[in-house]
Amino acid sequence: MNLPNRLTLLRVLLVPLFVAVAYWQVPYGARLAGALFLLAALTDGLDGYLARKRRMVTRLGKLMDPLADKLLVCAALVSLVEMHRLPGWVAMIIIGRELAVTGLRSFLSREGEVLEASLTAKLKTACQVVALAALFWQESPFSWHDPTPANLALMAALLLTLLSGWDYFRRGWAVIKKGGY
């Protein structure tokens, strides 16, 4: 197993650890969970960079990397909802978009078509990571009326989630119409 795939595996293994820490009722437990989440998220950028730079892209990596990303984000969202720091409907919008886009990309992939990640999708991911880590560190729950950095980052992440989802389906529909699926 090459280094990028090991980093992806590390990201998967960090998920249950940060979730467990998030549920500890100890001082600074949520902040430690946020730090572990951020560490796991940073492996995403690093594994992709190394895989491309060293030409170590593998089929396993292509499969596991996006799954590890979805697992990480979904675990953070569910943890934050359980901790009463995030409304459930916000988590469901983000999780729903992730599942829908994954389904669309999987369908098109089986048909030999590839929908590359857009700049908006990459910005969405970065914004989600910042927002979710910040929500672990923020003592108060998310609020539309409280312009804390964590809340503003989450609002931006939610907007980018919707925009990038719309963009994927717009591009995907064009491929579907062209191919006669």
C-alpha atoms as a PDB file:
ATOM      1  CA  MET A   1       0.000   0.000   0.000  1.00  0.00           C
ATOM      2  CA  ASN A   2       1.481   3.335  -1.034  1.00  0.00           C
ATOM      3  CA  LEU A   3       1.741   6.468   1.136  1.00  0.00           C
ATOM      4  CA  PRO A   4      -1.308   8.302  -0.278  1.00  0.00           C
ATOM      5  CA  ASN A   5      -3.496   5.240   0.375  1.00  0.00           C
ATOM      6  CA  ARG A   6      -2.077   4.958   3.899  1.00  0.00           C
ATOM      7  CA  LEU A   7      -3.044   8.577   4.531  1.00  0.00           C
ATOM      8  CA  THR A   8      -6.559   7.824   3.290  1.00  0.00           C
ATOM      9  CA  LEU A   9      -6.706   4.836   5.649  1.00  0.00           C
ATOM     10  CA  LEU A  10      -5.454   7.049   8.496  1.00  0.00           C
ATOM     11  CA  ARG A  11      -8.314   9.464   7.759  1.00  0.00           C
ATOM     12  CA  VAL A  12     -10.818   6.611   8.040  1.00  0.00           C
ATOM     13  CA  LEU A  13      -9.246   5.435  11.313  1.00  0.00           C
ATOM     14  CA  LEU A  14      -9.304   8.951  12.788  1.00  0.00           C
ATOM     15  CA  VAL A  15     -13.086   9.181  12.337  1.00  0.00           C
ATOM     16  CA  PRO A  16     -14.119   6.905  15.235  1.00  0.00           C
ATOM     17  CA  LEU A  17     -11.416   8.489  17.395  1.00  0.00           C
ATOM     18  CA  PHE A  18     -12.635  12.052  16.890  1.00  0.00           C
ATOM     19  CA  VAL A  19     -16.266  10.970  17.304  1.00  0.00           C
ATOM     20  CA  ALA A  20     -15.423   9.238  20.609  1.00  0.00           C
ATOM     21  CA  VAL A  21     -13.534  12.300  21.823  1.00  0.00           C
ATOM     22  CA  ALA A  22     -16.460  14.544  20.819  1.00  0.00           C
ATOM     23  CA  TYR A  23     -18.711  12.549  23.143  1.00  0.00           C
ATOM     24  CA  TRP A  24     -16.325  12.604  26.108  1.00  0.00           C
ATOM     25  CA  GLN A  25     -17.629  14.805  28.852  1.00  0.00           C
ATOM     26  CA  VAL A  26     -14.200  16.187  29.683  1.00  0.00           C
ATOM     27  CA  PRO A  27     -12.884  19.744  29.599  1.00  0.00           C
ATOM     28  CA  TYR A  28     -11.866  20.693  26.072  1.00  0.00           C
ATOM     29  CA  GLY A  29     -13.159  17.391  24.647  1.00  0.00           C
ATOM     30  CA  ALA A  30     -14.996  19.165  21.817  1.00  0.00           C
ATOM     31  CA  ARG A  31     -11.922  21.226  20.988  1.00  0.00           C
ATOM     32  CA  LEU A  32      -9.732  18.132  20.904  1.00  0.00           C
ATOM     33  CA  ALA A  33     -12.312  16.475  18.636  1.00  0.00           C
ATOM     34  CA  GLY A  34     -12.146  19.521  16.368  1.00  0.00           C
ATOM     35  CA  ALA A  35      -8.353  19.273  16.233  1.00  0.00           C
ATOM     36  CA  LEU A  36      -8.552  15.553  15.357  1.00  0.00           C
ATOM     37  CA  PHE A  37     -11.174  16.326  12.701  1.00  0.00           C
ATOM     38  CA  LEU A  38      -8.913  19.004  11.224  1.00  0.00           C
ATOM     39  CA  LEU A  39      -5.926  16.634  11.258  1.00  0.00           C
ATOM     40  CA  ALA A  40      -7.990  14.009   9.439  1.00  0.00           C
ATOM     41  CA  ALA A  41      -9.199  16.597   6.919  1.00  0.00           C
ATOM     42  CA  LEU A  42      -5.646  17.744   6.214  1.00  0.00           C
ATOM     43  CA  THR A  43      -4.710  14.197   5.180  1.00  0.00           C
ATOM     44  CA  ASP A  44      -7.203  14.593   2.329  1.00  0.00           C
ATOM     45  CA  GLY A  45      -5.258  17.361   0.667  1.00  0.00           C
ATOM     46  CA  LEU A  46      -1.949  15.680   1.388  1.00  0.00           C
ATOM     47  CA  ASP A  47      -2.883  12.259   0.006  1.00  0.00           C
ATOM     48  CA  GLY A  48      -4.195  13.770  -3.220  1.00  0.00           C
ATOM     49  CA  TYR A  49      -1.156  15.977  -3.637  1.00  0.00           C
ATOM     50  CA  LEU A  50       1.255  13.088  -3.073  1.00  0.00           C
ATOM     51  CA  ALA A  51      -0.677  10.720  -5.333  1.00  0.00           C
ATOM     52  CA  ARG A  52      -0.563  13.175  -8.238  1.00  0.00           C
ATOM     53  CA  LYS A  53       2.957  14.505  -7.636  1.00  0.00           C
ATOM     54  CA  ARG A  54       4.541  11.059  -7.238  1.00  0.00           C
ATOM     55  CA  ARG A  55       2.268   9.429  -9.815  1.00  0.00           C
ATOM     56  CA  MET A  56       0.872   7.043  -7.214  1.00  0.00           C
ATOM     57  CA  VAL A  57      -2.796   7.298  -8.204  1.00  0.00           C
ATOM     58  CA  THR A  58      -4.408   3.871  -7.744  1.00  0.00           C
ATOM     59  CA  ARG A  59      -7.851   2.400  -8.256  1.00  0.00           C
ATOM     60  CA  LEU A  60      -8.031   1.802  -4.493  1.00  0.00           C
ATOM     61  CA  GLY A  61      -7.238   5.453  -3.853  1.00  0.00           C
ATOM     62  CA  LYS A  62      -9.823   6.628  -6.389  1.00  0.00           C
ATOM     63  CA  LEU A  63     -12.444   4.553  -4.586  1.00  0.00           C
ATOM     64  CA  MET A  64     -11.430   5.088  -0.957  1.00  0.00           C
ATOM     65  CA  ASP A  65     -10.512   8.788  -0.982  1.00  0.00           C
ATOM     66  CA  PRO A  66     -14.004  10.159  -1.705  1.00  0.00           C
ATOM     67  CA  LEU A  67     -15.584   7.598   0.647  1.00  0.00           C
ATOM     68  CA  ALA A  68     -13.194   8.608   3.430  1.00  0.00           C
ATOM     69  CA  ASP A  69     -14.076  12.259   2.819  1.00  0.00           C
ATOM     70  CA  LYS A  70     -17.815  11.590   3.016  1.00  0.00           C
ATOM     71  CA  LEU A  71     -17.380   9.493   6.171  1.00  0.00           C
ATOM     72  CA  LEU A  72     -15.348  12.246   7.819  1.00  0.00           C
ATOM     73  CA  VAL A  73     -17.787  15.049   7.000  1.00  0.00           C
ATOM     74  CA  CYS A  74     -20.898  13.000   7.844  1.00  0.00           C
ATOM     75  CA  ALA A  75     -19.416  11.903  11.176  1.00  0.00           C
ATOM     76  CA  ALA A  76     -18.597  15.515  12.048  1.00  0.00           C
ATOM     77  CA  LEU A  77     -22.087  16.695  11.103  1.00  0.00           C
ATOM     78  CA  VAL A  78     -23.845  13.987  13.108  1.00  0.00           C
ATOM     79  CA  SER A  79     -21.553  14.624  16.093  1.00  0.00           C
ATOM     80  CA  LEU A  80     -22.268  18.350  16.004  1.00  0.00           C
ATOM     81  CA  VAL A  81     -26.020  17.719  15.792  1.00  0.00           C
ATOM     82  CA  GLU A  82     -25.787  15.343  18.764  1.00  0.00           C
ATOM     83  CA  MET A  83     -23.803  17.977  20.681  1.00  0.00           C
ATOM     84  CA  HIS A  84     -26.569  20.545  19.926  1.00  0.00           C
ATOM     85  CA  ARG A  85     -24.131  22.769  18.048  1.00  0.00           C
ATOM     86  CA  LEU A  86     -25.741  22.308  14.633  1.00  0.00           C
ATOM     87  CA  PRO A  87     -29.385  22.010  13.546  1.00  0.00           C
ATOM     88  CA  GLY A  88     -30.239  18.648  12.043  1.00  0.00           C
ATOM     89  CA  TRP A  89     -31.717  20.185   8.883  1.00  0.00           C
ATOM     90  CA  VAL A  90     -28.361  21.803   8.036  1.00  0.00           C
ATOM     91  CA  ALA A  91     -26.634  18.435   8.396  1.00  0.00           C
ATOM     92  CA  MET A  92     -29.289  16.785   6.226  1.00  0.00           C
ATOM     93  CA  ILE A  93     -28.842  19.327   3.412  1.00  0.00           C
ATOM     94  CA  ILE A  94     -25.103  18.733   3.361  1.00  0.00           C
ATOM     95  CA  ILE A  95     -25.374  14.946   3.683  1.00  0.00           C
ATOM     96  CA  GLY A  96     -28.162  14.827   1.085  1.00  0.00           C
ATOM     97  CA  ARG A  97     -26.072  16.778  -1.407  1.00  0.00           C
ATOM     98  CA  GLU A  98     -23.081  14.496  -0.802  1.00  0.00           C
ATOM     99  CA  LEU A  99     -25.162  11.358  -1.388  1.00  0.00           C
ATOM    100  CA  ALA A 100     -26.927  12.765  -4.449  1.00  0.00           C
ATOM    101  CA  VAL A 101     -23.716  13.932  -6.133  1.00  0.00           C
ATOM    102  CA  THR A 102     -21.979  10.649  -5.300  1.00  0.00           C
ATOM    103  CA  GLY A 103     -24.876   8.754  -6.867  1.00  0.00           C
ATOM    104  CA  LEU A 104     -24.808  10.925  -9.990  1.00  0.00           C
ATOM    105  CA  ARG A 105     -21.044  10.579 -10.392  1.00  0.00           C
ATOM    106  CA  SER A 106     -21.252   6.808  -9.838  1.00  0.00           C
ATOM    107  CA  PHE A 107     -23.971   6.442 -12.472  1.00  0.00           C
ATOM    108  CA  LEU A 108     -22.043   8.485 -15.010  1.00  0.00           C
ATOM    109  CA  SER A 109     -18.821   6.645 -14.194  1.00  0.00           C
ATOM    110  CA  ARG A 110     -20.455   3.305 -14.980  1.00  0.00           C
ATOM    111  CA  GLU A 111     -21.472   4.806 -18.320  1.00  0.00           C
ATOM    112  CA  GLY A 112     -17.866   5.816 -19.010  1.00  0.00           C
ATOM    113  CA  GLU A 113     -18.383   9.495 -18.232  1.00  0.00           C
ATOM    114  CA  VAL A 114     -16.424  11.474 -15.640  1.00  0.00           C
ATOM    115  CA  LEU A 115     -17.629  14.583 -13.839  1.00  0.00           C
ATOM    116  CA  GLU A 116     -14.517  16.297 -12.536  1.00  0.00           C
ATOM    117  CA  ALA A 117     -14.682  18.227  -9.272  1.00  0.00           C
ATOM    118  CA  SER A 118     -15.308  21.896  -9.966  1.00  0.00           C
ATOM    119  CA  LEU A 119     -13.625  24.838  -8.286  1.00  0.00           C
ATOM    120  CA  THR A 120     -16.903  25.472  -6.435  1.00  0.00           C
ATOM    121  CA  ALA A 121     -16.864  21.908  -5.102  1.00  0.00           C
ATOM    122  CA  LYS A 122     -13.274  22.288  -3.926  1.00  0.00           C
ATOM    123  CA  LEU A 123     -14.112  25.579  -2.214  1.00  0.00           C
ATOM    124  CA  LYS A 124     -17.152  23.885  -0.644  1.00  0.00           C
ATOM    125  CA  THR A 125     -14.947  21.196   0.844  1.00  0.00           C
ATOM    126  CA  ALA A 126     -12.441  23.684   2.248  1.00  0.00           C
ATOM    127  CA  CYS A 127     -15.212  25.850   3.673  1.00  0.00           C
ATOM    128  CA  GLN A 128     -16.940  22.835   5.253  1.00  0.00           C
ATOM    129  CA  VAL A 129     -13.711  21.737   6.923  1.00  0.00           C
ATOM    130  CA  VAL A 130     -13.093  25.198   8.377  1.00  0.00           C
ATOM    131  CA  ALA A 131     -16.714  25.584   9.488  1.00  0.00           C
ATOM    132  CA  LEU A 132     -17.027  22.154  11.091  1.00  0.00           C
ATOM    133  CA  ALA A 133     -13.694  22.421  12.916  1.00  0.00           C
ATOM    134  CA  ALA A 134     -14.688  25.879  14.147  1.00  0.00           C
ATOM    135  CA  LEU A 135     -18.064  24.598  15.363  1.00  0.00           C
ATOM    136  CA  PHE A 136     -16.258  22.032  17.513  1.00  0.00           C
ATOM    137  CA  TRP A 137     -14.210  24.861  19.034  1.00  0.00           C
ATOM    138  CA  GLN A 138     -17.133  27.281  19.418  1.00  0.00           C
ATOM    139  CA  GLU A 139     -18.912  27.015  22.758  1.00  0.00           C
ATOM    140  CA  SER A 140     -22.310  28.165  21.502  1.00  0.00           C
ATOM    141  CA  PRO A 141     -24.553  26.418  18.969  1.00  0.00           C
ATOM    142  CA  PHE A 142     -24.855  27.609  15.385  1.00  0.00           C
ATOM    143  CA  SER A 143     -27.157  30.592  14.929  1.00  0.00           C
ATOM    144  CA  TRP A 144     -28.097  32.639  11.888  1.00  0.00           C
ATOM    145  CA  HIS A 145     -28.202  35.720  14.121  1.00  0.00           C
ATOM    146  CA  ASP A 146     -24.744  35.373  15.686  1.00  0.00           C
ATOM    147  CA  PRO A 147     -22.010  36.378  13.224  1.00  0.00           C
ATOM    148  CA  THR A 148     -19.169  34.386  14.800  1.00  0.00           C
ATOM    149  CA  PRO A 149     -16.443  33.139  12.442  1.00  0.00           C
ATOM    150  CA  ALA A 150     -17.744  29.556  12.797  1.00  0.00           C
ATOM    151  CA  ASN A 151     -21.309  30.575  11.979  1.00  0.00           C
ATOM    152  CA  LEU A 152     -20.251  32.694   8.996  1.00  0.00           C
ATOM    153  CA  ALA A 153     -18.059  29.860   7.691  1.00  0.00           C
ATOM    154  CA  LEU A 154     -20.973  27.440   7.994  1.00  0.00           C
ATOM    155  CA  MET A 155     -23.290  29.820   6.132  1.00  0.00           C
ATOM    156  CA  ALA A 156     -20.722  30.064   3.338  1.00  0.00           C
ATOM    157  CA  ALA A 157     -20.279  26.271   3.337  1.00  0.00           C
ATOM    158  CA  LEU A 158     -24.028  25.756   3.106  1.00  0.00           C
ATOM    159  CA  LEU A 159     -24.286  28.183   0.175  1.00  0.00           C
ATOM    160  CA  LEU A 160     -21.350  26.509  -1.609  1.00  0.00           C
ATOM    161  CA  THR A 161     -22.885  23.095  -0.895  1.00  0.00           C
ATOM    162  CA  LEU A 162     -26.063  24.121  -2.705  1.00  0.00           C
ATOM    163  CA  LEU A 163     -24.246  25.873  -5.564  1.00  0.00           C
ATOM    164  CA  SER A 164     -21.829  23.021  -6.203  1.00  0.00           C
ATOM    165  CA  GLY A 165     -24.656  20.469  -6.027  1.00  0.00           C
ATOM    166  CA  TRP A 166     -26.621  22.475  -8.581  1.00  0.00           C
ATOM    167  CA  ASP A 167     -23.495  22.703 -10.770  1.00  0.00           C
ATOM    168  CA  TYR A 168     -22.918  18.929 -10.660  1.00  0.00           C
ATOM    169  CA  PHE A 169     -26.521  18.216 -11.641  1.00  0.00           C
ATOM    170  CA  ARG A 170     -26.480  20.852 -14.364  1.00  0.00           C
ATOM    171  CA  ARG A 171     -23.323  19.339 -15.881  1.00  0.00           C
ATOM    172  CA  GLY A 172     -24.519  15.788 -15.258  1.00  0.00           C
ATOM    173  CA  TRP A 173     -27.870  16.432 -16.940  1.00  0.00           C
ATOM    174  CA  ALA A 174     -26.075  17.771 -20.020  1.00  0.00           C
ATOM    175  CA  VAL A 175     -24.032  14.545 -20.210  1.00  0.00           C
ATOM    176  CA  ILE A 176     -27.150  12.419 -19.683  1.00  0.00           C
ATOM    177  CA  LYS A 177     -29.094  14.258 -22.421  1.00  0.00           C
ATOM    178  CA  LYS A 178     -26.160  14.050 -24.834  1.00  0.00           C
ATOM    179  CA  GLY A 179     -25.684  10.337 -24.209  1.00  0.00           C
ATOM    180  CA  GLY A 180     -29.361   9.462 -24.444  1.00  0.00           C
ATOM    181  CA  TYR A 181     -29.452   7.695 -21.082  1.00  0.00           C
END
